[in-house]
C-alpha atoms as a PDB file:
ATOM      1  CA  MET A   1       7.367 -24.102   8.957  1.00  0.00           C
ATOM      2  CA  SER A   2       7.637 -20.505   7.866  1.00  0.00           C
ATOM      3  CA  ARG A   3      10.083 -18.336   9.785  1.00  0.00           C
ATOM      4  CA  ILE A   4       7.872 -15.296   9.323  1.00  0.00           C
ATOM      5  CA  GLY A   5       4.833 -17.363  10.257  1.00  0.00           C
ATOM      6  CA  LYS A   6       6.353 -18.357  13.612  1.00  0.00           C
ATOM      7  CA  ARG A   7       6.846 -14.695  14.618  1.00  0.00           C
ATOM      8  CA  LEU A   8       4.562 -13.584  17.458  1.00  0.00           C
ATOM      9  CA  ILE A   9       2.667 -10.356  16.841  1.00  0.00           C
ATOM     10  CA  SER A  10       2.442  -8.140  19.903  1.00  0.00           C
ATOM     11  CA  ILE A  11      -0.710  -6.062  20.380  1.00  0.00           C
ATOM     12  CA  PRO A  12       0.105  -2.485  21.464  1.00  0.00           C
ATOM     13  CA  LYS A  13      -2.002  -0.573  23.985  1.00  0.00           C
ATOM     14  CA  GLY A  14      -5.095   1.022  22.468  1.00  0.00           C
ATOM     15  CA  VAL A  15      -5.533  -1.750  19.888  1.00  0.00           C
ATOM     16  CA  GLU A  16      -8.445  -4.153  20.107  1.00  0.00           C
ATOM     17  CA  VAL A  17      -8.324  -7.506  18.286  1.00  0.00           C
ATOM     18  CA  ILE A  18     -11.593  -9.373  17.752  1.00  0.00           C
ATOM     19  CA  LEU A  19     -11.573 -12.884  16.308  1.00  0.00           C
ATOM     20  CA  THR A  20     -14.866 -14.353  15.089  1.00  0.00           C
ATOM     21  CA  ASP A  21     -15.383 -17.494  13.009  1.00  0.00           C
ATOM     22  CA  ASN A  22     -13.114 -16.817  10.021  1.00  0.00           C
ATOM     23  CA  GLU A  23     -12.720 -13.052  10.344  1.00  0.00           C
ATOM     24  CA  LEU A  24     -10.158 -10.974  12.215  1.00  0.00           C
ATOM     25  CA  THR A  25     -11.003  -7.366  13.136  1.00  0.00           C
ATOM     26  CA  VAL A  26      -8.318  -4.974  14.372  1.00  0.00           C
ATOM     27  CA  LYS A  27      -9.434  -1.628  15.846  1.00  0.00           C
ATOM     28  CA  GLY A  28      -7.031   1.151  16.743  1.00  0.00           C
ATOM     29  CA  PRO A  29      -6.602   4.912  16.832  1.00  0.00           C
ATOM     30  CA  LYS A  30      -6.151   5.153  13.020  1.00  0.00           C
ATOM     31  CA  GLY A  31      -9.181   3.047  12.062  1.00  0.00           C
ATOM     32  CA  THR A  32     -10.596  -0.451  11.789  1.00  0.00           C
ATOM     33  CA  LEU A  33      -9.397  -3.207   9.449  1.00  0.00           C
ATOM     34  CA  LYS A  34     -11.027  -6.573   8.717  1.00  0.00           C
ATOM     35  CA  ARG A  35      -9.665  -9.660   6.994  1.00  0.00           C
ATOM     36  CA  LYS A  36     -11.042 -13.135   6.347  1.00  0.00           C
ATOM     37  CA  ILE A  37      -8.735 -15.892   7.575  1.00  0.00           C
ATOM     38  CA  HIS A  38      -8.060 -18.889   5.317  1.00  0.00           C
ATOM     39  CA  PRO A  39      -9.679 -22.061   6.743  1.00  0.00           C
ATOM     40  CA  LYS A  40      -6.307 -23.886   6.869  1.00  0.00           C
ATOM     41  CA  ILE A  41      -4.749 -21.136   9.029  1.00  0.00           C
ATOM     42  CA  PHE A  42      -5.381 -20.966  12.786  1.00  0.00           C
ATOM     43  CA  VAL A  43      -5.189 -17.601  14.568  1.00  0.00           C
ATOM     44  CA  ALA A  44      -5.275 -17.264  18.361  1.00  0.00           C
ATOM     45  CA  VAL A  45      -5.151 -14.223  20.636  1.00  0.00           C
ATOM     46  CA  LYS A  46      -3.413 -14.858  23.968  1.00  0.00           C
ATOM     47  CA  ASP A  47      -2.436 -12.174  26.479  1.00  0.00           C
ATOM     48  CA  ASP A  48      -1.144  -9.304  24.321  1.00  0.00           C
ATOM     49  CA  GLN A  49      -0.008 -11.433  21.379  1.00  0.00           C
ATOM     50  CA  ILE A  50      -1.449 -12.885  18.191  1.00  0.00           C
ATOM     51  CA  ILE A  51      -0.298 -16.394  17.298  1.00  0.00           C
ATOM     52  CA  VAL A  52      -0.633 -17.688  13.735  1.00  0.00           C
ATOM     53  CA  SER A  53      -0.320 -21.443  13.178  1.00  0.00           C
ATOM     54  CA  VAL A  54      -1.291 -24.035  10.578  1.00  0.00           C
ATOM     55  CA  ARG A  55      -3.877 -26.806  10.659  1.00  0.00           C
ATOM     56  CA  GLU A  56      -1.983 -29.096   8.246  1.00  0.00           C
ATOM     57  CA  LYS A  57       1.505 -29.293   6.766  1.00  0.00           C
ATOM     58  CA  SER A  58       1.500 -28.911   3.013  1.00  0.00           C
ATOM     59  CA  ARG A  59       3.442 -26.632   0.697  1.00  0.00           C
ATOM     60  CA  GLU A  60       0.436 -24.355   0.082  1.00  0.00           C
ATOM     61  CA  VAL A  61      -0.325 -23.990   3.793  1.00  0.00           C
ATOM     62  CA  ARG A  62       3.311 -23.225   4.658  1.00  0.00           C
ATOM     63  CA  ALA A  63       3.189 -20.348   2.168  1.00  0.00           C
ATOM     64  CA  LEU A  64      -0.099 -19.102   3.596  1.00  0.00           C
ATOM     65  CA  HIS A  65       1.361 -19.275   7.127  1.00  0.00           C
ATOM     66  CA  GLY A  66       3.939 -16.562   6.469  1.00  0.00           C
ATOM     67  CA  LEU A  67       1.530 -14.567   4.293  1.00  0.00           C
ATOM     68  CA  PHE A  68      -1.179 -14.338   6.942  1.00  0.00           C
ATOM     69  CA  ASN A  69       1.325 -13.504   9.664  1.00  0.00           C
ATOM     70  CA  ALA A  70       2.626 -10.597   7.548  1.00  0.00           C
ATOM     71  CA  LEU A  71      -0.916  -9.449   6.682  1.00  0.00           C
ATOM     72  CA  ILE A  72      -1.995  -9.442  10.334  1.00  0.00           C
ATOM     73  CA  TYR A  73       1.219  -7.662  11.361  1.00  0.00           C
ATOM     74  CA  ASN A  74       0.494  -4.982   8.733  1.00  0.00           C
ATOM     75  CA  MET A  75      -3.063  -4.622  10.067  1.00  0.00           C
ATOM     76  CA  VAL A  76      -1.794  -4.001  13.609  1.00  0.00           C
ATOM     77  CA  THR A  77       0.877  -1.579  12.377  1.00  0.00           C
ATOM     78  CA  GLY A  78      -1.640   0.210  10.147  1.00  0.00           C
ATOM     79  CA  VAL A  79      -4.155   0.957  12.904  1.00  0.00           C
ATOM     80  CA  THR A  80      -1.405   2.234  15.218  1.00  0.00           C
ATOM     81  CA  LYS A  81       1.127   4.083  13.003  1.00  0.00           C
ATOM     82  CA  GLY A  82      -0.405   4.051   9.527  1.00  0.00           C
ATOM     83  CA  PHE A  83       1.392   3.799   6.180  1.00  0.00           C
ATOM     84  CA  GLU A  84       2.492   6.380   3.649  1.00  0.00           C
ATOM     85  CA  LYS A  85       3.585   6.365  -0.001  1.00  0.00           C
ATOM     86  CA  ASN A  86       5.227   9.303  -1.729  1.00  0.00           C
ATOM     87  CA  LEU A  87       5.021   9.960  -5.467  1.00  0.00           C
ATOM     88  CA  GLU A  88       6.604  12.676  -7.604  1.00  0.00           C
ATOM     89  CA  ILE A  89       5.394  14.238 -10.836  1.00  0.00           C
ATOM     90  CA  VAL A  90       8.194  15.045 -13.303  1.00  0.00           C
ATOM     91  CA  GLY A  91       7.492  17.055 -16.434  1.00  0.00           C
ATOM     92  CA  VAL A  92       6.798  20.601 -17.579  1.00  0.00           C
ATOM     93  CA  GLY A  93       3.113  21.435 -17.134  1.00  0.00           C
ATOM     94  CA  TYR A  94       2.325  18.196 -15.279  1.00  0.00           C
ATOM     95  CA  ARG A  95       0.353  18.911 -12.125  1.00  0.00           C
ATOM     96  CA  VAL A  96      -2.311  17.605  -9.764  1.00  0.00           C
ATOM     97  CA  GLU A  97      -5.125  19.306  -7.873  1.00  0.00           C
ATOM     98  CA  VAL A  98      -7.383  17.886  -5.181  1.00  0.00           C
ATOM     99  CA  GLN A  99     -11.086  18.728  -5.253  1.00  0.00           C
ATOM    100  CA  GLY A 100     -12.720  17.016  -2.267  1.00  0.00           C
ATOM    101  CA  ARG A 101     -12.153  13.255  -2.720  1.00  0.00           C
ATOM    102  CA  VAL A 102     -11.215  13.615  -6.411  1.00  0.00           C
ATOM    103  CA  ALA A 103      -7.648  14.135  -7.634  1.00  0.00           C
ATOM    104  CA  VAL A 104      -7.432  15.887 -11.011  1.00  0.00           C
ATOM    105  CA  PHE A 105      -4.225  15.140 -12.941  1.00  0.00           C
ATOM    106  CA  ASN A 106      -3.014  17.251 -15.885  1.00  0.00           C
ATOM    107  CA  LEU A 107      -0.394  15.028 -17.501  1.00  0.00           C
ATOM    108  CA  GLY A 108      -0.024  16.280 -21.051  1.00  0.00           C
ATOM    109  CA  TYR A 109      -3.088  14.498 -22.427  1.00  0.00           C
ATOM    110  CA  SER A 110      -5.849  16.371 -24.244  1.00  0.00           C
ATOM    111  CA  HIS A 111      -8.024  15.918 -21.156  1.00  0.00           C
ATOM    112  CA  PRO A 112      -7.501  15.916 -17.388  1.00  0.00           C
ATOM    113  CA  VAL A 113      -7.513  12.541 -15.613  1.00  0.00           C
ATOM    114  CA  ASN A 114      -9.956  12.439 -12.685  1.00  0.00           C
ATOM    115  CA  TYR A 115      -9.367   9.844  -9.972  1.00  0.00           C
ATOM    116  CA  GLU A 116     -11.746   9.396  -7.059  1.00  0.00           C
ATOM    117  CA  LEU A 117      -9.865   8.276  -3.970  1.00  0.00           C
ATOM    118  CA  PRO A 118     -11.307   5.238  -2.182  1.00  0.00           C
ATOM    119  CA  GLU A 119     -12.426   5.501   1.451  1.00  0.00           C
ATOM    120  CA  GLY A 120      -9.512   5.111   3.820  1.00  0.00           C
ATOM    121  CA  VAL A 121      -6.878   6.832   1.653  1.00  0.00           C
ATOM    122  CA  ASP A 122      -5.969  10.485   2.156  1.00  0.00           C
ATOM    123  CA  ILE A 123      -3.914  12.594  -0.237  1.00  0.00           C
ATOM    124  CA  ASN A 124      -1.715  15.640   0.340  1.00  0.00           C
ATOM    125  CA  VAL A 125      -0.352  17.526  -2.661  1.00  0.00           C
ATOM    126  CA  ASP A 126       2.550  19.985  -2.662  1.00  0.00           C
ATOM    127  CA  LYS A 127       3.175  21.161  -6.251  1.00  0.00           C
ATOM    128  CA  THR A 128       4.893  18.073  -7.751  1.00  0.00           C
ATOM    129  CA  LYS A 129       4.903  15.843  -4.665  1.00  0.00           C
ATOM    130  CA  ILE A 130       2.006  13.555  -3.779  1.00  0.00           C
ATOM    131  CA  ARG A 131       1.745  11.996  -0.308  1.00  0.00           C
ATOM    132  CA  LEU A 132      -0.760   9.162   0.170  1.00  0.00           C
ATOM    133  CA  VAL A 133      -1.651   8.077   3.722  1.00  0.00           C
ATOM    134  CA  SER A 134      -3.731   5.090   4.855  1.00  0.00           C
ATOM    135  CA  SER A 135      -4.031   2.486   7.582  1.00  0.00           C
ATOM    136  CA  ASP A 136      -4.500  -0.287   4.985  1.00  0.00           C
ATOM    137  CA  LYS A 137      -1.147  -1.109   3.346  1.00  0.00           C
ATOM    138  CA  GLU A 138      -2.663  -3.222   0.572  1.00  0.00           C
ATOM    139  CA  LEU A 139      -5.168  -0.547  -0.465  1.00  0.00           C
ATOM    140  CA  LEU A 140      -2.472   2.146  -0.294  1.00  0.00           C
ATOM    141  CA  GLY A 141      -0.207   0.172  -2.634  1.00  0.00           C
ATOM    142  CA  ARG A 142      -3.032  -0.361  -5.121  1.00  0.00           C
ATOM    143  CA  VAL A 143      -3.949   3.345  -5.152  1.00  0.00           C
ATOM    144  CA  ALA A 144      -0.301   4.409  -5.589  1.00  0.00           C
ATOM    145  CA  ALA A 145       0.142   1.937  -8.470  1.00  0.00           C
ATOM    146  CA  LYS A 146      -3.076   3.168 -10.123  1.00  0.00           C
ATOM    147  CA  ILE A 147      -1.965   6.811  -9.883  1.00  0.00           C
ATOM    148  CA  ARG A 148       1.479   5.906 -11.267  1.00  0.00           C
ATOM    149  CA  SER A 149      -0.195   4.108 -14.209  1.00  0.00           C
ATOM    150  CA  PHE A 150      -1.781   7.372 -15.448  1.00  0.00           C
ATOM    151  CA  ARG A 151       1.631   8.412 -16.841  1.00  0.00           C
ATOM    152  CA  ARG A 152       4.451   5.957 -16.209  1.00  0.00           C
ATOM    153  CA  PRO A 153       7.936   7.498 -16.199  1.00  0.00           C
ATOM    154  CA  GLU A 154       9.523   7.221 -19.618  1.00  0.00           C
ATOM    155  CA  PRO A 155      13.207   6.280 -19.973  1.00  0.00           C
ATOM    156  CA  PHE A 156      14.431   9.172 -22.157  1.00  0.00           C
ATOM    157  CA  LYS A 157      13.594  12.297 -20.171  1.00  0.00           C
ATOM    158  CA  GLY A 158      12.143  10.630 -17.056  1.00  0.00           C
ATOM    159  CA  LYS A 159       8.798  12.439 -17.429  1.00  0.00           C
ATOM    160  CA  GLY A 160       5.763  10.975 -15.686  1.00  0.00           C
ATOM    161  CA  ILE A 161       4.640   9.930 -12.209  1.00  0.00           C
ATOM    162  CA  LYS A 162       7.171   7.953 -10.186  1.00  0.00           C
ATOM    163  CA  TYR A 163       7.599   6.741  -6.635  1.00  0.00           C
ATOM    164  CA  ALA A 164       9.788   9.125  -4.605  1.00  0.00           C
ATOM    165  CA  ASP A 165      12.449   6.457  -4.017  1.00  0.00           C
ATOM    166  CA  GLU A 166      12.246   4.983  -7.539  1.00  0.00           C
ATOM    167  CA  ILE A 167      15.280   5.256  -9.794  1.00  0.00           C
ATOM    168  CA  ILE A 168      14.500   5.602 -13.488  1.00  0.00           C
ATOM    169  CA  ARG A 169      17.025   3.913 -15.782  1.00  0.00           C
ATOM    170  CA  ARG A 170      17.689   6.432 -18.495  1.00  0.00           C
ATOM    171  CA  LYS A 171      18.390   5.634 -22.133  1.00  0.00           C
ATOM    172  CA  ALA A 172      20.503   7.644 -24.535  1.00  0.00           C
ATOM    173  CA  GLY A 173      18.629   9.531 -27.239  1.00  0.00           C
ATOM    174  CA  LYS A 174      19.246   9.194 -30.958  1.00  0.00           C
ATOM    175  CA  ALA A 175      22.928   9.076 -31.843  1.00  0.00           C
ATOM    176  CA  GLY A 176      22.409  11.355 -34.850  1.00  0.00           C
ATOM    177  CA  ALA A 177      21.203  14.224 -32.679  1.00  0.00           C
ATOM    178  CA  ALA A 178      24.642  14.690 -31.080  1.00  0.00           C
ATOM    179  CA  LYS A 179      26.315  15.734 -34.367  1.00  0.00           C
END
């Protein structure tokens, strides 16, 4: 049995958990999240706790046990506290502007890159720092990865869009340039 899967998930005050057929809905002060539950996973709500267990014991189901426990835990955490990802833009002339729900990136290409933010993700921009906030951790990670893919950090000068806590391994330039 999965150690993470055995963990009980406590439901904080102000959070409502609704379990129907194969769908779990978690409502809280930061929003509402829904997720379909795999048929081989059993979810029960008792008192102020969510219990995740398995219907059969196979390798695949043991993996799903821990996965679904973590996903449900992230749903509960997301509707109470929320999640945040920070990105940084490094490079002369690289910048971002927000126009409604569209982020416009100027990243050294011949054209600006327009990215429409999905519902549930908010963006705050302060010059070269981008702060993404959402109650859905999975969606937040996908949006951050998509934004980073517009101009990945390159290893020579470190220019591009990187996560705030990311460390870029730098390479030496051409050896002939030092002479």
